[in-house]
Amino acid sequence: MAACHRDFFVRPCGGSAYICVLTFIVMTKKELRQKYKYLRQELLIEEIEDLSLAIANRLLTLDIWDNIYFHLFLTMENQKEVHTDVILNILAGKDKEVIVSRSDFTSCMMVHYLLTDNTKLVLNEYGIPEPVKGIEVPSNKMDVVFVPLLGFDAQGHRVGYGKGFYDRFLADCKPGVIKIGLSFFEAEPDAIPHNDTDVVLDYCVTPERVYRFGV
């Protein structure tokens, strides 16, 4: 259930005082996942394509394009994720090295591969396009990582799918790696529950704006 937080304060009124109680509802990560999955499912395919294009265009305004190694998640269409094929075309046009991953759901770790013309992709049981094999690339090679998410807040904390794949991956990246979330929706007004193992984003890009967190 969502957690309740109460603030008490005393307000004077005609020589007397009374106590006001303000109650704030803070959603749990589970509730936030349900919220954003529902919002996504309400989007039409045409809307997703337009919103994804707007996100890709805003990415072009970021000062990231001198980097070489870009890790890109491939879209889970059954989850109505941001379409990253437009970003892939941008990266190809700029002659960047694109890295994609295969997930191990036993260890909740990912193995990363260089995406080439010869890379064979297959859908896993969760609908994630993954490389069968290829040239492995270590996590500390990444310069920029595009991070999938369901929701995020104004401090750069995010809600993912709950398995911790990207938190583990990003913790293994070099200190200066640029972490960019992609979202159809704007930031949550309240802070998302987080702990010390949650990795904070550097940016989150939506169709309407670019959020910057401590960069």
N, C-alpha and C. Protein backbone atom coordinates (compact mmCIF):
# COMPACT_ATOMS: atom_id res chain seq x y z
N MET A 1 0.84 -1.19 0.00
CA MET A 1 0.00 0.00 0.00
C MET A 1 0.88 1.24 0.00
N ALA A 2 0.31 2.37 -0.48
CA ALA A 2 1.04 3.64 -0.44
C ALA A 2 1.24 4.07 1.00
N ALA A 3 2.41 4.68 1.24
CA ALA A 3 2.72 5.15 2.59
C ALA A 3 2.12 6.53 2.81
N CYS A 4 1.65 6.77 4.04
CA CYS A 4 1.10 8.08 4.40
C CYS A 4 2.11 8.83 5.25
N HIS A 5 2.33 10.10 4.92
CA HIS A 5 3.18 10.96 5.73
C HIS A 5 2.35 12.15 6.17
N ARG A 6 2.40 12.48 7.46
CA ARG A 6 1.60 13.60 7.97
C ARG A 6 2.49 14.72 8.48
N ASP A 7 2.15 15.95 8.13
CA ASP A 7 2.81 17.12 8.66
C ASP A 7 1.81 17.88 9.53
N PHE A 8 2.27 18.32 10.71
CA PHE A 8 1.42 19.06 11.63
C PHE A 8 1.93 20.49 11.72
N PHE A 9 1.03 21.44 11.75
CA PHE A 9 1.46 22.81 12.04
C PHE A 9 0.33 23.53 12.75
N VAL A 10 0.70 24.60 13.47
CA VAL A 10 -0.27 25.38 14.24
C VAL A 10 -0.53 26.69 13.51
N ARG A 11 -1.79 27.00 13.27
CA ARG A 11 -2.16 28.23 12.59
C ARG A 11 -2.99 29.09 13.54
N PRO A 12 -2.58 30.36 13.75
CA PRO A 12 -3.36 31.24 14.62
C PRO A 12 -4.69 31.62 13.97
N CYS A 13 -5.70 31.81 14.79
CA CYS A 13 -7.01 32.16 14.25
C CYS A 13 -7.78 32.95 15.31
N GLY A 14 -7.82 34.31 15.15
CA GLY A 14 -8.61 35.14 16.06
C GLY A 14 -8.16 35.02 17.51
N GLY A 15 -6.87 35.04 17.75
CA GLY A 15 -6.38 34.96 19.11
C GLY A 15 -6.21 33.55 19.63
N SER A 16 -6.76 32.58 18.94
CA SER A 16 -6.59 31.19 19.33
C SER A 16 -5.75 30.49 18.26
N ALA A 17 -5.57 29.24 18.41
CA ALA A 17 -4.79 28.50 17.42
C ALA A 17 -5.46 27.16 17.19
N TYR A 18 -5.27 26.62 15.99
CA TYR A 18 -5.77 25.28 15.74
C TYR A 18 -4.71 24.51 14.96
N ILE A 19 -4.79 23.22 15.06
CA ILE A 19 -3.79 22.37 14.43
C ILE A 19 -4.32 21.86 13.10
N CYS A 20 -3.53 22.05 12.05
CA CYS A 20 -3.87 21.52 10.74
C CYS A 20 -3.04 20.27 10.48
N VAL A 21 -3.65 19.30 9.89
CA VAL A 21 -2.95 18.07 9.53
C VAL A 21 -3.03 17.91 8.02
N LEU A 22 -1.86 17.88 7.39
CA LEU A 22 -1.78 17.64 5.95
C LEU A 22 -1.29 16.22 5.72
N THR A 23 -2.01 15.47 4.95
CA THR A 23 -1.63 14.09 4.68
C THR A 23 -1.18 13.95 3.23
N PHE A 24 0.04 13.42 3.04
CA PHE A 24 0.59 13.23 1.71
C PHE A 24 0.69 11.72 1.44
N ILE A 25 0.23 11.31 0.30
CA ILE A 25 0.29 9.90 -0.07
C ILE A 25 1.51 9.69 -0.96
N VAL A 26 2.42 8.83 -0.54
CA VAL A 26 3.61 8.51 -1.31
C VAL A 26 3.43 7.10 -1.89
N MET A 27 3.45 7.01 -3.20
CA MET A 27 3.23 5.73 -3.86
C MET A 27 4.46 4.85 -3.73
N THR A 28 4.24 3.56 -3.56
CA THR A 28 5.33 2.60 -3.55
C THR A 28 5.81 2.37 -4.98
N LYS A 29 6.98 1.73 -5.11
CA LYS A 29 7.47 1.42 -6.45
C LYS A 29 6.52 0.48 -7.19
N LYS A 30 5.94 -0.46 -6.47
CA LYS A 30 5.00 -1.37 -7.11
C LYS A 30 3.81 -0.61 -7.67
N GLU A 31 3.29 0.33 -6.90
CA GLU A 31 2.15 1.13 -7.36
C GLU A 31 2.54 2.02 -8.53
N LEU A 32 3.76 2.57 -8.51
CA LEU A 32 4.22 3.39 -9.62
C LEU A 32 4.37 2.56 -10.89
N ARG A 33 4.87 1.34 -10.75
CA ARG A 33 4.96 0.47 -11.93
C ARG A 33 3.58 0.23 -12.52
N GLN A 34 2.62 -0.05 -11.67
CA GLN A 34 1.25 -0.29 -12.16
C GLN A 34 0.70 0.96 -12.84
N LYS A 35 0.96 2.11 -12.26
CA LYS A 35 0.48 3.38 -12.82
C LYS A 35 1.00 3.60 -14.23
N TYR A 36 2.33 3.46 -14.39
CA TYR A 36 2.92 3.79 -15.68
C TYR A 36 2.69 2.70 -16.73
N LYS A 37 2.56 1.47 -16.29
CA LYS A 37 2.19 0.43 -17.25
C LYS A 37 0.78 0.70 -17.79
N TYR A 38 -0.11 1.13 -16.91
CA TYR A 38 -1.47 1.46 -17.35
C TYR A 38 -1.45 2.65 -18.32
N LEU A 39 -0.69 3.70 -17.97
CA LEU A 39 -0.62 4.88 -18.84
C LEU A 39 -0.06 4.53 -20.22
N ARG A 40 0.92 3.67 -20.24
CA ARG A 40 1.48 3.24 -21.53
C ARG A 40 0.45 2.48 -22.36
N GLN A 41 -0.26 1.57 -21.71
CA GLN A 41 -1.21 0.76 -22.45
C GLN A 41 -2.34 1.61 -23.05
N GLU A 42 -2.55 2.80 -22.49
CA GLU A 42 -3.56 3.70 -23.03
C GLU A 42 -3.10 4.43 -24.29
N LEU A 43 -1.79 4.39 -24.58
CA LEU A 43 -1.27 5.07 -25.75
C LEU A 43 -1.55 4.27 -27.02
N LEU A 44 -1.92 4.99 -28.06
CA LEU A 44 -2.10 4.37 -29.37
C LEU A 44 -0.75 4.20 -30.05
N ILE A 45 -0.65 3.27 -30.98
CA ILE A 45 0.61 3.03 -31.69
C ILE A 45 1.08 4.31 -32.38
N GLU A 46 0.16 5.06 -32.98
CA GLU A 46 0.54 6.29 -33.66
C GLU A 46 1.10 7.31 -32.67
N GLU A 47 0.53 7.37 -31.48
CA GLU A 47 1.04 8.28 -30.45
C GLU A 47 2.45 7.88 -30.02
N ILE A 48 2.66 6.59 -29.85
CA ILE A 48 3.98 6.11 -29.44
C ILE A 48 5.03 6.48 -30.47
N GLU A 49 4.70 6.33 -31.73
CA GLU A 49 5.65 6.68 -32.79
C GLU A 49 5.97 8.17 -32.77
N ASP A 50 4.95 9.02 -32.62
CA ASP A 50 5.17 10.47 -32.59
C ASP A 50 5.96 10.89 -31.35
N LEU A 51 5.62 10.32 -30.20
CA LEU A 51 6.31 10.66 -28.96
C LEU A 51 7.76 10.20 -28.99
N SER A 52 7.99 9.02 -29.55
CA SER A 52 9.35 8.49 -29.66
C SER A 52 10.21 9.37 -30.57
N LEU A 53 9.62 9.85 -31.65
CA LEU A 53 10.35 10.75 -32.55
C LEU A 53 10.69 12.06 -31.85
N ALA A 54 9.75 12.59 -31.07
CA ALA A 54 10.00 13.83 -30.32
C ALA A 54 11.14 13.64 -29.32
N ILE A 55 11.17 12.49 -28.66
CA ILE A 55 12.26 12.20 -27.71
C ILE A 55 13.59 12.15 -28.45
N ALA A 56 13.64 11.46 -29.58
CA ALA A 56 14.88 11.36 -30.35
C ALA A 56 15.36 12.75 -30.79
N ASN A 57 14.46 13.61 -31.20
CA ASN A 57 14.85 14.96 -31.62
C ASN A 57 15.42 15.76 -30.45
N ARG A 58 14.87 15.58 -29.27
CA ARG A 58 15.41 16.29 -28.09
C ARG A 58 16.79 15.74 -27.71
N LEU A 59 17.01 14.46 -27.93
CA LEU A 59 18.33 13.90 -27.66
C LEU A 59 19.41 14.61 -28.47
N LEU A 60 19.08 15.08 -29.65
CA LEU A 60 20.05 15.74 -30.51
C LEU A 60 20.57 17.04 -29.90
N THR A 61 19.85 17.60 -28.92
CA THR A 61 20.28 18.85 -28.29
C THR A 61 21.30 18.62 -27.18
N LEU A 62 21.52 17.36 -26.78
CA LEU A 62 22.43 17.08 -25.69
C LEU A 62 23.88 17.07 -26.18
N ASP A 63 24.78 17.43 -25.27
CA ASP A 63 26.21 17.47 -25.59
C ASP A 63 26.83 16.10 -25.30
N ILE A 64 26.43 15.11 -26.11
CA ILE A 64 26.90 13.74 -25.88
C ILE A 64 27.52 13.12 -27.13
N TRP A 65 27.46 13.81 -28.24
CA TRP A 65 27.71 13.16 -29.53
C TRP A 65 29.18 13.05 -29.91
N ASP A 66 30.08 13.55 -29.05
CA ASP A 66 31.51 13.32 -29.27
C ASP A 66 31.95 11.96 -28.71
N ASN A 67 31.08 11.30 -27.98
CA ASN A 67 31.40 9.99 -27.43
C ASN A 67 31.32 8.91 -28.51
N ILE A 68 31.85 7.73 -28.17
CA ILE A 68 31.96 6.66 -29.17
C ILE A 68 31.04 5.48 -28.88
N TYR A 69 31.06 4.97 -27.64
CA TYR A 69 30.34 3.74 -27.30
C TYR A 69 28.99 4.07 -26.65
N PHE A 70 27.90 3.72 -27.34
CA PHE A 70 26.55 4.02 -26.88
C PHE A 70 25.81 2.70 -26.64
N HIS A 71 25.35 2.51 -25.41
CA HIS A 71 24.53 1.33 -25.10
C HIS A 71 23.06 1.69 -25.29
N LEU A 72 22.37 0.89 -26.07
CA LEU A 72 20.98 1.18 -26.40
C LEU A 72 20.10 -0.03 -26.07
N PHE A 73 18.99 0.21 -25.36
CA PHE A 73 18.04 -0.88 -25.16
C PHE A 73 17.15 -0.99 -26.39
N LEU A 74 16.79 -2.21 -26.72
CA LEU A 74 15.92 -2.46 -27.86
C LEU A 74 14.48 -2.60 -27.37
N THR A 75 13.57 -2.01 -28.08
CA THR A 75 12.20 -1.82 -27.63
C THR A 75 11.44 -3.12 -27.38
N MET A 76 10.82 -3.21 -26.21
CA MET A 76 9.83 -4.26 -25.94
C MET A 76 8.47 -3.72 -26.40
N GLU A 77 8.05 -4.12 -27.55
CA GLU A 77 6.80 -3.58 -28.09
C GLU A 77 5.59 -4.02 -27.29
N ASN A 78 5.68 -5.21 -26.66
CA ASN A 78 4.54 -5.67 -25.86
C ASN A 78 4.37 -4.84 -24.58
N GLN A 79 5.42 -4.08 -24.19
CA GLN A 79 5.33 -3.19 -23.04
C GLN A 79 5.14 -1.73 -23.46
N LYS A 80 5.00 -1.51 -24.78
CA LYS A 80 4.82 -0.15 -25.32
C LYS A 80 5.91 0.80 -24.84
N GLU A 81 7.15 0.33 -24.96
CA GLU A 81 8.29 1.17 -24.60
C GLU A 81 8.55 2.22 -25.68
N VAL A 82 9.39 3.19 -25.33
CA VAL A 82 9.87 4.16 -26.31
C VAL A 82 10.51 3.40 -27.47
N HIS A 83 10.16 3.76 -28.71
CA HIS A 83 10.76 3.14 -29.87
C HIS A 83 12.17 3.69 -30.06
N THR A 84 13.15 2.81 -29.94
CA THR A 84 14.54 3.27 -30.03
C THR A 84 15.13 3.09 -31.41
N ASP A 85 14.34 2.63 -32.38
CA ASP A 85 14.87 2.47 -33.73
C ASP A 85 15.29 3.81 -34.34
N VAL A 86 14.58 4.89 -33.97
CA VAL A 86 14.97 6.22 -34.46
C VAL A 86 16.33 6.61 -33.90
N ILE A 87 16.55 6.33 -32.62
CA ILE A 87 17.85 6.61 -31.99
C ILE A 87 18.93 5.77 -32.63
N LEU A 88 18.61 4.52 -32.94
CA LEU A 88 19.57 3.65 -33.60
C LEU A 88 19.98 4.22 -34.95
N ASN A 89 19.03 4.79 -35.68
CA ASN A 89 19.35 5.40 -36.97
C ASN A 89 20.25 6.62 -36.79
N ILE A 90 20.00 7.39 -35.75
CA ILE A 90 20.86 8.55 -35.46
C ILE A 90 22.27 8.10 -35.17
N LEU A 91 22.40 7.08 -34.33
CA LEU A 91 23.72 6.57 -33.97
C LEU A 91 24.46 6.03 -35.19
N ALA A 92 23.74 5.32 -36.05
CA ALA A 92 24.35 4.80 -37.27
C ALA A 92 24.81 5.94 -38.18
N GLY A 93 23.99 6.97 -38.28
CA GLY A 93 24.33 8.11 -39.11
C GLY A 93 25.54 8.88 -38.61
N LYS A 94 25.77 8.83 -37.30
CA LYS A 94 26.92 9.50 -36.70
C LYS A 94 28.11 8.55 -36.55
N ASP A 95 27.99 7.34 -37.09
CA ASP A 95 29.06 6.35 -37.09
C ASP A 95 29.53 6.00 -35.68
N LYS A 96 28.57 5.80 -34.78
CA LYS A 96 28.88 5.43 -33.40
C LYS A 96 28.88 3.90 -33.25
N GLU A 97 29.58 3.44 -32.22
CA GLU A 97 29.55 2.02 -31.87
C GLU A 97 28.34 1.78 -30.97
N VAL A 98 27.45 0.90 -31.39
CA VAL A 98 26.21 0.64 -30.65
C VAL A 98 26.32 -0.71 -29.95
N ILE A 99 25.99 -0.71 -28.66
CA ILE A 99 26.06 -1.92 -27.85
C ILE A 99 24.65 -2.30 -27.41
N VAL A 100 24.32 -3.57 -27.54
CA VAL A 100 23.03 -4.10 -27.07
C VAL A 100 23.31 -5.29 -26.15
N SER A 101 22.31 -5.70 -25.40
CA SER A 101 22.55 -6.69 -24.35
C SER A 101 21.63 -7.90 -24.44
N ARG A 102 22.09 -8.97 -23.80
CA ARG A 102 21.28 -10.17 -23.56
C ARG A 102 21.18 -10.35 -22.05
N SER A 103 19.98 -10.64 -21.56
CA SER A 103 19.73 -10.71 -20.12
C SER A 103 19.73 -12.15 -19.63
N ASP A 104 20.33 -12.35 -18.46
CA ASP A 104 20.30 -13.63 -17.78
C ASP A 104 19.36 -13.48 -16.59
N PHE A 105 18.18 -14.08 -16.66
CA PHE A 105 17.18 -13.88 -15.62
C PHE A 105 17.43 -14.74 -14.38
N THR A 106 18.47 -15.56 -14.42
CA THR A 106 18.87 -16.29 -13.23
C THR A 106 19.74 -15.42 -12.33
N SER A 107 20.73 -14.76 -12.94
CA SER A 107 21.64 -13.90 -12.19
C SER A 107 21.21 -12.44 -12.18
N CYS A 108 20.23 -12.07 -13.04
CA CYS A 108 19.80 -10.68 -13.23
C CYS A 108 20.97 -9.80 -13.67
N MET A 109 21.82 -10.38 -14.52
CA MET A 109 22.94 -9.66 -15.10
C MET A 109 22.76 -9.63 -16.62
N MET A 110 23.50 -8.72 -17.29
CA MET A 110 23.44 -8.62 -18.74
C MET A 110 24.82 -8.82 -19.34
N VAL A 111 24.84 -9.42 -20.53
CA VAL A 111 26.05 -9.53 -21.33
C VAL A 111 25.87 -8.60 -22.52
N HIS A 112 26.91 -7.84 -22.86
CA HIS A 112 26.79 -6.77 -23.85
C HIS A 112 27.55 -7.15 -25.13
N TYR A 113 26.92 -6.82 -26.27
CA TYR A 113 27.50 -7.17 -27.55
C TYR A 113 27.48 -5.97 -28.50
N LEU A 114 28.52 -5.89 -29.32
CA LEU A 114 28.57 -4.88 -30.36
C LEU A 114 27.52 -5.21 -31.43
N LEU A 115 26.71 -4.23 -31.78
CA LEU A 115 25.68 -4.43 -32.80
C LEU A 115 26.29 -4.18 -34.17
N THR A 116 26.26 -5.19 -35.03
CA THR A 116 26.80 -5.07 -36.38
C THR A 116 25.74 -5.54 -37.38
N ASP A 117 26.10 -5.44 -38.65
CA ASP A 117 25.17 -5.90 -39.70
C ASP A 117 24.93 -7.40 -39.60
N ASN A 118 25.85 -8.12 -38.96
CA ASN A 118 25.72 -9.57 -38.87
C ASN A 118 25.07 -10.04 -37.57
N THR A 119 24.70 -9.10 -36.71
CA THR A 119 24.11 -9.49 -35.43
C THR A 119 22.69 -10.04 -35.64
N LYS A 120 22.48 -11.24 -35.15
CA LYS A 120 21.14 -11.85 -35.22
C LYS A 120 20.41 -11.57 -33.92
N LEU A 121 19.21 -11.02 -34.03
CA LEU A 121 18.38 -10.70 -32.87
C LEU A 121 17.19 -11.64 -32.80
N VAL A 122 16.87 -12.10 -31.60
CA VAL A 122 15.68 -12.93 -31.39
C VAL A 122 14.93 -12.38 -30.17
N LEU A 123 13.62 -12.61 -30.14
CA LEU A 123 12.82 -12.21 -28.99
C LEU A 123 12.93 -13.26 -27.90
N ASN A 124 13.24 -12.81 -26.66
CA ASN A 124 13.22 -13.76 -25.56
C ASN A 124 11.79 -13.95 -25.05
N GLU A 125 11.63 -14.72 -24.00
CA GLU A 125 10.28 -15.04 -23.54
C GLU A 125 9.52 -13.83 -23.00
N TYR A 126 10.24 -12.74 -22.71
CA TYR A 126 9.59 -11.52 -22.21
C TYR A 126 9.34 -10.50 -23.32
N GLY A 127 9.71 -10.85 -24.54
CA GLY A 127 9.49 -9.95 -25.66
C GLY A 127 10.62 -8.96 -25.88
N ILE A 128 11.80 -9.24 -25.29
CA ILE A 128 12.95 -8.35 -25.46
C ILE A 128 13.79 -8.83 -26.64
N PRO A 129 14.05 -7.98 -27.64
CA PRO A 129 14.96 -8.38 -28.72
C PRO A 129 16.39 -8.48 -28.18
N GLU A 130 17.05 -9.62 -28.42
CA GLU A 130 18.38 -9.83 -27.87
C GLU A 130 19.31 -10.43 -28.92
N PRO A 131 20.61 -10.09 -28.84
CA PRO A 131 21.57 -10.72 -29.74
C PRO A 131 21.82 -12.17 -29.34
N VAL A 132 21.96 -13.04 -30.33
CA VAL A 132 22.24 -14.44 -30.06
C VAL A 132 23.69 -14.60 -29.61
N LYS A 133 24.60 -13.94 -30.31
CA LYS A 133 26.01 -13.97 -29.98
C LYS A 133 26.68 -12.80 -30.68
N GLY A 134 27.98 -12.69 -30.50
CA GLY A 134 28.69 -11.60 -31.15
C GLY A 134 29.95 -11.23 -30.40
N ILE A 135 30.42 -10.00 -30.65
CA ILE A 135 31.62 -9.49 -30.01
C ILE A 135 31.23 -8.88 -28.67
N GLU A 136 31.70 -9.46 -27.58
CA GLU A 136 31.36 -8.94 -26.25
C GLU A 136 32.10 -7.64 -25.96
N VAL A 137 31.38 -6.75 -25.26
CA VAL A 137 31.94 -5.46 -24.87
C VAL A 137 31.78 -5.31 -23.36
N PRO A 138 32.86 -5.02 -22.62
CA PRO A 138 32.74 -4.89 -21.17
C PRO A 138 31.97 -3.64 -20.76
N SER A 139 31.36 -3.69 -19.59
CA SER A 139 30.56 -2.57 -19.10
C SER A 139 31.36 -1.28 -19.01
N ASN A 140 32.64 -1.38 -18.64
CA ASN A 140 33.44 -0.16 -18.44
C ASN A 140 33.86 0.50 -19.75
N LYS A 141 33.41 -0.06 -20.87
CA LYS A 141 33.69 0.54 -22.17
C LYS A 141 32.65 1.58 -22.56
N MET A 142 31.48 1.54 -21.92
CA MET A 142 30.37 2.40 -22.33
C MET A 142 30.65 3.87 -22.01
N ASP A 143 30.31 4.73 -22.97
CA ASP A 143 30.37 6.18 -22.76
C ASP A 143 29.00 6.75 -22.40
N VAL A 144 27.98 6.23 -23.07
CA VAL A 144 26.60 6.71 -22.88
C VAL A 144 25.69 5.49 -22.79
N VAL A 145 24.78 5.51 -21.83
CA VAL A 145 23.81 4.43 -21.68
C VAL A 145 22.40 5.02 -21.71
N PHE A 146 21.58 4.58 -22.65
CA PHE A 146 20.17 4.94 -22.66
C PHE A 146 19.42 3.94 -21.78
N VAL A 147 18.73 4.46 -20.78
CA VAL A 147 18.18 3.62 -19.73
C VAL A 147 16.65 3.50 -19.87
N PRO A 148 16.12 2.28 -19.96
CA PRO A 148 14.66 2.12 -19.98
C PRO A 148 14.09 2.37 -18.59
N LEU A 149 12.87 2.84 -18.53
CA LEU A 149 12.24 3.09 -17.23
C LEU A 149 10.74 3.14 -17.40
N LEU A 150 10.05 3.07 -16.27
CA LEU A 150 8.60 3.27 -16.26
C LEU A 150 8.25 4.67 -15.78
N GLY A 151 8.94 5.16 -14.76
CA GLY A 151 8.72 6.50 -14.24
C GLY A 151 10.00 7.04 -13.62
N PHE A 152 10.02 8.34 -13.36
CA PHE A 152 11.19 8.96 -12.74
C PHE A 152 10.74 10.19 -11.97
N ASP A 153 11.63 10.71 -11.10
CA ASP A 153 11.30 11.91 -10.35
C ASP A 153 12.29 13.04 -10.67
N ALA A 154 12.08 14.20 -10.06
CA ALA A 154 12.87 15.39 -10.37
C ALA A 154 14.29 15.32 -9.85
N GLN A 155 14.61 14.28 -9.08
CA GLN A 155 15.97 14.09 -8.58
C GLN A 155 16.75 13.06 -9.41
N GLY A 156 16.12 12.47 -10.40
CA GLY A 156 16.80 11.51 -11.26
C GLY A 156 16.69 10.07 -10.82
N HIS A 157 15.85 9.79 -9.81
CA HIS A 157 15.58 8.40 -9.44
C HIS A 157 14.52 7.85 -10.38
N ARG A 158 14.61 6.56 -10.66
CA ARG A 158 13.69 5.98 -11.63
C ARG A 158 13.01 4.73 -11.07
N VAL A 159 11.93 4.36 -11.70
CA VAL A 159 11.26 3.09 -11.44
C VAL A 159 11.44 2.24 -12.69
N GLY A 160 12.10 1.09 -12.52
CA GLY A 160 12.26 0.16 -13.63
C GLY A 160 11.27 -0.99 -13.48
N TYR A 161 11.63 -2.13 -14.04
CA TYR A 161 10.74 -3.28 -14.01
C TYR A 161 10.91 -4.14 -12.77
N GLY A 162 11.88 -3.77 -11.92
CA GLY A 162 11.98 -4.41 -10.62
C GLY A 162 13.02 -5.50 -10.48
N LYS A 163 13.76 -5.81 -11.54
CA LYS A 163 14.76 -6.89 -11.48
C LYS A 163 16.16 -6.37 -11.16
N GLY A 164 16.40 -5.08 -11.31
CA GLY A 164 17.70 -4.51 -10.97
C GLY A 164 18.78 -4.69 -12.02
N PHE A 165 18.41 -5.09 -13.24
CA PHE A 165 19.41 -5.30 -14.29
C PHE A 165 20.26 -4.05 -14.52
N TYR A 166 19.60 -2.92 -14.67
CA TYR A 166 20.34 -1.71 -15.03
C TYR A 166 21.10 -1.12 -13.85
N ASP A 167 20.61 -1.27 -12.65
CA ASP A 167 21.37 -0.80 -11.49
C ASP A 167 22.68 -1.58 -11.37
N ARG A 168 22.65 -2.88 -11.59
CA ARG A 168 23.87 -3.68 -11.54
C ARG A 168 24.81 -3.30 -12.69
N PHE A 169 24.23 -3.16 -13.87
CA PHE A 169 25.02 -2.80 -15.05
C PHE A 169 25.69 -1.44 -14.86
N LEU A 170 24.92 -0.44 -14.47
CA LEU A 170 25.47 0.91 -14.33
C LEU A 170 26.51 1.00 -13.22
N ALA A 171 26.35 0.18 -12.19
CA ALA A 171 27.34 0.16 -11.11
C ALA A 171 28.69 -0.35 -11.60
N ASP A 172 28.69 -1.14 -12.68
CA ASP A 172 29.92 -1.68 -13.24
C ASP A 172 30.53 -0.76 -14.30
N CYS A 173 29.81 0.25 -14.72
CA CYS A 173 30.32 1.17 -15.74
C CYS A 173 31.37 2.12 -15.14
N LYS A 174 32.13 2.76 -16.00
CA LYS A 174 33.13 3.70 -15.52
C LYS A 174 32.45 4.91 -14.89
N PRO A 175 33.14 5.62 -13.98
CA PRO A 175 32.50 6.71 -13.24
C PRO A 175 31.87 7.79 -14.11
N GLY A 176 32.46 8.08 -15.26
CA GLY A 176 31.95 9.18 -16.07
C GLY A 176 30.88 8.82 -17.08
N VAL A 177 30.38 7.59 -17.03
CA VAL A 177 29.38 7.19 -18.01
C VAL A 177 28.15 8.09 -17.90
N ILE A 178 27.57 8.44 -19.05
CA ILE A 178 26.41 9.33 -19.09
C ILE A 178 25.15 8.47 -19.15
N LYS A 179 24.27 8.67 -18.19
CA LYS A 179 23.07 7.82 -18.03
C LYS A 179 21.84 8.64 -18.41
N ILE A 180 21.14 8.20 -19.45
CA ILE A 180 20.02 8.98 -20.00
C ILE A 180 18.75 8.13 -19.99
N GLY A 181 17.77 8.53 -19.20
CA GLY A 181 16.48 7.87 -19.21
C GLY A 181 15.61 8.41 -20.34
N LEU A 182 14.71 7.57 -20.82
CA LEU A 182 13.77 7.96 -21.88
C LEU A 182 12.36 7.69 -21.38
N SER A 183 11.50 8.69 -21.45
CA SER A 183 10.16 8.54 -20.87
C SER A 183 9.12 9.28 -21.71
N PHE A 184 7.97 8.63 -21.89
CA PHE A 184 6.84 9.30 -22.52
C PHE A 184 6.23 10.36 -21.61
N PHE A 185 6.44 10.21 -20.30
CA PHE A 185 5.72 11.02 -19.31
C PHE A 185 6.69 11.90 -18.52
N GLU A 186 6.13 12.96 -17.94
CA GLU A 186 6.96 13.89 -17.17
C GLU A 186 7.28 13.33 -15.79
N ALA A 187 8.14 14.04 -15.06
CA ALA A 187 8.63 13.57 -13.76
C ALA A 187 7.50 13.47 -12.73
N GLU A 188 7.62 12.46 -11.88
CA GLU A 188 6.72 12.35 -10.73
C GLU A 188 6.92 13.57 -9.82
N PRO A 189 5.83 14.16 -9.32
CA PRO A 189 5.97 15.33 -8.45
C PRO A 189 6.62 15.01 -7.10
N ASP A 190 6.46 13.79 -6.63
CA ASP A 190 7.04 13.38 -5.35
C ASP A 190 8.25 12.48 -5.58
N ALA A 191 9.15 12.47 -4.62
CA ALA A 191 10.35 11.64 -4.71
C ALA A 191 9.97 10.16 -4.77
N ILE A 192 10.62 9.43 -5.64
CA ILE A 192 10.41 7.99 -5.76
C ILE A 192 11.22 7.29 -4.67
N PRO A 193 10.64 6.31 -3.98
CA PRO A 193 11.41 5.57 -2.98
C PRO A 193 12.67 4.97 -3.61
N HIS A 194 13.80 5.09 -2.91
CA HIS A 194 15.06 4.59 -3.46
C HIS A 194 15.99 4.18 -2.32
N ASN A 195 17.05 3.46 -2.67
CA ASN A 195 18.05 3.07 -1.69
C ASN A 195 19.45 3.29 -2.27
N ASP A 196 20.45 2.89 -1.52
CA ASP A 196 21.83 3.19 -1.90
C ASP A 196 22.28 2.48 -3.17
N THR A 197 21.62 1.39 -3.55
CA THR A 197 22.02 0.66 -4.75
C THR A 197 21.37 1.21 -6.02
N ASP A 198 20.42 2.12 -5.88
CA ASP A 198 19.76 2.71 -7.05
C ASP A 198 20.67 3.77 -7.66
N VAL A 199 20.92 3.66 -8.96
CA VAL A 199 21.81 4.59 -9.65
C VAL A 199 20.99 5.75 -10.20
N VAL A 200 21.43 6.97 -9.91
CA VAL A 200 20.72 8.18 -10.33
C VAL A 200 21.07 8.50 -11.79
N LEU A 201 20.07 8.93 -12.55
CA LEU A 201 20.27 9.33 -13.93
C LEU A 201 21.01 10.66 -14.01
N ASP A 202 21.65 10.90 -15.17
CA ASP A 202 22.21 12.23 -15.45
C ASP A 202 21.20 13.09 -16.19
N TYR A 203 20.43 12.45 -17.07
CA TYR A 203 19.38 13.13 -17.83
C TYR A 203 18.16 12.22 -17.90
N CYS A 204 17.00 12.82 -18.12
CA CYS A 204 15.85 12.08 -18.60
C CYS A 204 15.20 12.93 -19.68
N VAL A 205 14.92 12.30 -20.81
CA VAL A 205 14.38 13.02 -21.97
C VAL A 205 12.95 12.56 -22.21
N THR A 206 12.05 13.52 -22.28
CA THR A 206 10.64 13.27 -22.58
C THR A 206 10.29 13.99 -23.89
N PRO A 207 9.12 13.78 -24.43
CA PRO A 207 8.75 14.52 -25.65
C PRO A 207 8.72 16.04 -25.45
N GLU A 208 8.53 16.49 -24.20
CA GLU A 208 8.35 17.91 -23.93
C GLU A 208 9.61 18.64 -23.46
N ARG A 209 10.56 17.90 -22.83
CA ARG A 209 11.70 18.61 -22.25
C ARG A 209 12.84 17.64 -21.92
N VAL A 210 13.98 18.25 -21.57
CA VAL A 210 15.13 17.50 -21.08
C VAL A 210 15.33 17.83 -19.62
N TYR A 211 15.34 16.83 -18.76
CA TYR A 211 15.64 17.00 -17.34
C TYR A 211 17.13 16.72 -17.14
N ARG A 212 17.79 17.58 -16.36
CA ARG A 212 19.21 17.41 -16.04
C ARG A 212 19.35 17.23 -14.54
N PHE A 213 20.12 16.24 -14.13
CA PHE A 213 20.29 15.93 -12.72
C PHE A 213 21.77 15.99 -12.37
N GLY A 214 22.20 17.06 -11.77
CA GLY A 214 23.56 17.16 -11.27
C GLY A 214 24.64 17.13 -12.33
N VAL A 215 24.33 17.55 -13.56
CA VAL A 215 25.33 17.60 -14.61
C VAL A 215 25.49 19.05 -15.10
